[in-house]
């Protein structure tokens, strides 16, 4: 009986730790609290909309509130991110559709250098504003903890769609159609 005691105790500890881990993951849900709200049908006001950030390649500072009245797709990215690089064609497509309807794609850097961001934009032929967030403070209330993450903000300044991970063409087209009221 004693020879089963130690393995039994170890097994109980391992099962307990796994249960605790599973509970923590289930309670925490998605790693992005803002995205979680959007997925539950809420439309939170876009965080930090009035906080201006430096724009890549310019001395200008830009805030999302300056784009009020437009649909804005905020793509949080890093030039070194392979998944972000894979999304470049989708971002070009979204920018084309949005620009035809008075909207805009805005990139926001995450744990990235200015030179990496500039290289990314040049390499993939992307031509939309990129805001520099060197300390990741601006994106923090969005719940960003990795890249890529993408948020759609409607004309009234509310977050209406969120994607925490690599986007698909279907998600972009469906979201653009819903937010703009069109078929892309």
Protein backbone atom coordinates (compact mmCIF):
# COMPACT_ATOMS: atom_id res chain seq x y z
CA UNK A 1 0.00 0.00 0.00
CA UNK A 2 2.86 2.40 0.81
CA UNK A 3 4.45 1.92 -2.60
CA UNK A 4 1.29 3.40 -4.16
CA UNK A 5 1.18 6.38 -1.80
CA UNK A 6 3.94 8.48 -3.39
CA UNK A 7 2.80 7.97 -7.01
CA UNK A 8 -0.77 8.62 -5.87
CA UNK A 9 0.19 11.90 -4.18
CA UNK A 10 2.20 12.98 -7.24
CA UNK A 11 -0.71 12.11 -9.52
CA UNK A 12 -3.12 14.15 -7.35
CA UNK A 13 -0.76 17.13 -7.40
CA UNK A 14 -0.38 16.95 -11.20
CA UNK A 15 -4.15 16.61 -11.70
CA UNK A 16 -4.74 19.51 -9.32
CA UNK A 17 -2.26 21.73 -11.16
CA UNK A 18 -3.79 20.83 -14.53
CA UNK A 19 -7.26 21.61 -13.19
CA UNK A 20 -6.03 24.96 -11.86
CA UNK A 21 -4.45 25.76 -15.22
CA UNK A 22 -7.62 24.80 -17.10
CA UNK A 23 -9.73 26.91 -14.74
CA UNK A 24 -7.43 29.89 -15.19
CA UNK A 25 -7.53 29.65 -18.97
CA UNK A 26 -11.32 29.21 -18.99
CA UNK A 27 -11.88 32.16 -16.66
CA UNK A 28 -9.44 34.37 -18.50
CA UNK A 29 -10.96 33.67 -21.91
CA UNK A 30 -9.25 35.39 -24.79
CA UNK A 31 -6.04 37.14 -23.87
CA UNK A 32 -7.52 40.38 -25.16
CA UNK A 33 -10.25 41.83 -22.91
CA UNK A 34 -11.35 44.46 -25.46
CA UNK A 35 -11.66 41.83 -28.18
CA UNK A 36 -13.64 39.68 -25.77
CA UNK A 37 -16.13 42.53 -25.23
CA UNK A 38 -16.53 42.98 -28.98
CA UNK A 39 -17.01 39.25 -29.50
CA UNK A 40 -19.82 39.37 -26.92
CA UNK A 41 -21.60 42.04 -28.99
CA UNK A 42 -20.52 45.12 -27.04
CA UNK A 43 -19.25 48.23 -28.81
CA UNK A 44 -16.72 49.88 -26.47
CA UNK A 45 -15.39 53.33 -27.22
CA UNK A 46 -11.96 53.09 -28.84
CA UNK A 47 -9.35 53.50 -26.10
CA UNK A 48 -6.78 56.28 -26.36
CA UNK A 49 -8.58 57.87 -29.32
CA UNK A 50 -7.51 61.35 -28.26
CA UNK A 51 -3.89 60.42 -27.51
CA UNK A 52 -1.64 61.49 -30.39
CA UNK A 53 1.27 59.34 -31.51
CA UNK A 54 4.18 60.22 -33.77
CA UNK A 55 3.61 59.19 -37.36
CA UNK A 56 6.27 57.12 -39.12
CA UNK A 57 8.33 59.27 -41.48
CA UNK A 58 6.82 62.55 -40.30
CA UNK A 59 7.08 65.07 -37.51
CA UNK A 60 3.28 65.02 -37.24
CA UNK A 61 1.42 63.50 -34.32
CA UNK A 62 -1.90 61.86 -35.11
CA UNK A 63 -4.78 60.62 -32.95
CA UNK A 64 -7.71 58.42 -33.90
CA UNK A 65 -10.09 61.21 -32.91
CA UNK A 66 -8.80 63.13 -35.95
CA UNK A 67 -10.30 60.35 -38.08
CA UNK A 68 -13.75 60.53 -36.45
CA UNK A 69 -16.47 60.11 -39.04
CA UNK A 70 -14.46 57.48 -40.92
CA UNK A 71 -14.26 53.73 -40.52
CA UNK A 72 -10.74 52.97 -39.29
CA UNK A 73 -9.00 49.62 -39.33
CA UNK A 74 -6.27 49.67 -36.69
CA UNK A 75 -3.64 47.02 -37.38
CA UNK A 76 -1.16 46.47 -34.55
CA UNK A 77 1.97 44.97 -36.07
CA UNK A 78 5.73 44.60 -35.94
CA UNK A 79 8.07 44.59 -38.91
CA UNK A 80 9.85 41.48 -37.58
CA UNK A 81 6.59 39.49 -37.25
CA UNK A 82 6.25 36.72 -39.88
CA UNK A 83 2.48 36.58 -39.47
CA UNK A 84 2.26 40.35 -39.94
CA UNK A 85 4.26 39.99 -43.13
CA UNK A 86 1.85 37.30 -44.34
CA UNK A 87 -1.05 39.76 -43.85
CA UNK A 88 0.45 42.49 -46.05
CA UNK A 89 -1.68 41.64 -49.10
CA UNK A 90 -4.83 41.62 -46.99
CA UNK A 91 -3.94 45.03 -45.58
CA UNK A 92 -3.46 46.43 -49.11
CA UNK A 93 -6.88 45.03 -50.04
CA UNK A 94 -8.52 46.53 -46.94
CA UNK A 95 -6.91 49.91 -47.60
CA UNK A 96 -8.22 49.94 -51.18
CA UNK A 97 -11.76 49.12 -50.07
CA UNK A 98 -11.69 51.55 -47.15
CA UNK A 99 -10.27 54.41 -49.21
CA UNK A 100 -13.11 54.02 -51.76
CA UNK A 101 -15.56 54.49 -48.87
CA UNK A 102 -13.80 57.27 -46.97
CA UNK A 103 -12.13 54.94 -44.47
CA UNK A 104 -8.54 54.34 -43.48
CA UNK A 105 -6.12 51.66 -42.35
CA UNK A 106 -3.83 52.83 -39.56
CA UNK A 107 -0.87 50.76 -38.46
CA UNK A 108 0.39 50.92 -34.88
CA UNK A 109 3.78 49.48 -33.98
CA UNK A 110 4.21 46.99 -31.17
CA UNK A 111 7.62 46.15 -29.73
CA UNK A 112 9.15 47.37 -32.95
CA UNK A 113 11.86 49.75 -34.06
CA UNK A 114 11.20 52.63 -36.41
CA UNK A 115 13.62 51.15 -38.95
CA UNK A 116 11.88 47.73 -38.89
CA UNK A 117 8.48 49.38 -39.31
CA UNK A 118 9.75 51.54 -42.18
CA UNK A 119 11.33 48.50 -43.87
CA UNK A 120 8.10 46.49 -43.48
CA UNK A 121 6.01 49.23 -45.10
CA UNK A 122 8.49 49.67 -47.96
CA UNK A 123 9.03 45.93 -48.58
CA UNK A 124 5.31 45.18 -48.78
CA UNK A 125 4.28 48.35 -50.62
CA UNK A 126 1.94 49.54 -47.86
CA UNK A 127 0.92 53.21 -47.95
CA UNK A 128 -1.15 54.12 -44.94
CA UNK A 129 -0.30 56.01 -41.75
CA UNK A 130 1.76 54.15 -39.17
CA UNK A 131 1.73 55.42 -35.61
CA UNK A 132 4.74 54.72 -33.42
CA UNK A 133 4.08 53.29 -29.97
CA UNK A 134 7.62 52.58 -28.74
CA UNK A 135 6.61 51.84 -25.13
CA UNK A 136 3.43 49.93 -26.08
CA UNK A 137 1.42 52.22 -23.79
CA UNK A 138 -1.07 53.29 -26.45
CA UNK A 139 -2.04 49.70 -27.33
CA UNK A 140 -2.18 48.51 -23.70
CA UNK A 141 -5.90 49.37 -23.16
CA UNK A 142 -6.68 47.44 -26.35
CA UNK A 143 -5.37 44.38 -24.52
CA UNK A 144 -2.68 43.76 -27.11
CA UNK A 145 -0.08 41.27 -25.95
CA UNK A 146 1.16 40.04 -29.29
CA UNK A 147 0.96 40.71 -32.99
CA UNK A 148 -0.86 40.92 -35.22
CA UNK A 149 -4.08 42.24 -33.74
CA UNK A 150 -6.65 44.21 -35.71
CA UNK A 151 -9.57 46.39 -34.64
CA UNK A 152 -12.27 48.09 -36.68
CA UNK A 153 -13.54 51.39 -35.33
CA UNK A 154 -16.82 52.71 -36.70
CA UNK A 155 -17.57 56.28 -37.70
CA UNK A 156 -18.75 57.13 -34.19
CA UNK A 157 -15.52 55.93 -32.53
CA UNK A 158 -16.62 52.52 -31.24
CA UNK A 159 -14.70 49.27 -31.65
CA UNK A 160 -17.00 47.02 -33.67
CA UNK A 161 -14.71 44.17 -34.74
CA UNK A 162 -11.54 42.60 -33.39
CA UNK A 163 -9.18 39.90 -34.55
CA UNK A 164 -6.41 38.66 -32.28
CA UNK A 165 -4.16 36.78 -34.63
CA UNK A 166 -3.69 36.40 -38.35
CA UNK A 167 -6.55 37.76 -40.41
CA UNK A 168 -8.19 35.92 -43.26
CA UNK A 169 -9.61 37.41 -46.44
CA UNK A 170 -13.05 36.10 -45.44
CA UNK A 171 -12.91 37.91 -42.06
CA UNK A 172 -11.80 41.18 -43.68
CA UNK A 173 -14.43 41.03 -46.42
CA UNK A 174 -17.20 40.10 -43.98
CA UNK A 175 -16.15 42.84 -41.56
CA UNK A 176 -15.74 45.50 -44.26
CA UNK A 177 -19.15 44.62 -45.63
CA UNK A 178 -20.78 44.85 -42.21
CA UNK A 179 -19.02 48.03 -41.08
CA UNK A 180 -19.28 49.87 -44.39
CA UNK A 181 -22.65 48.43 -45.41
CA UNK A 182 -21.24 47.13 -48.71
CA UNK A 183 -20.01 44.02 -50.42
CA UNK A 184 -16.26 44.25 -50.89
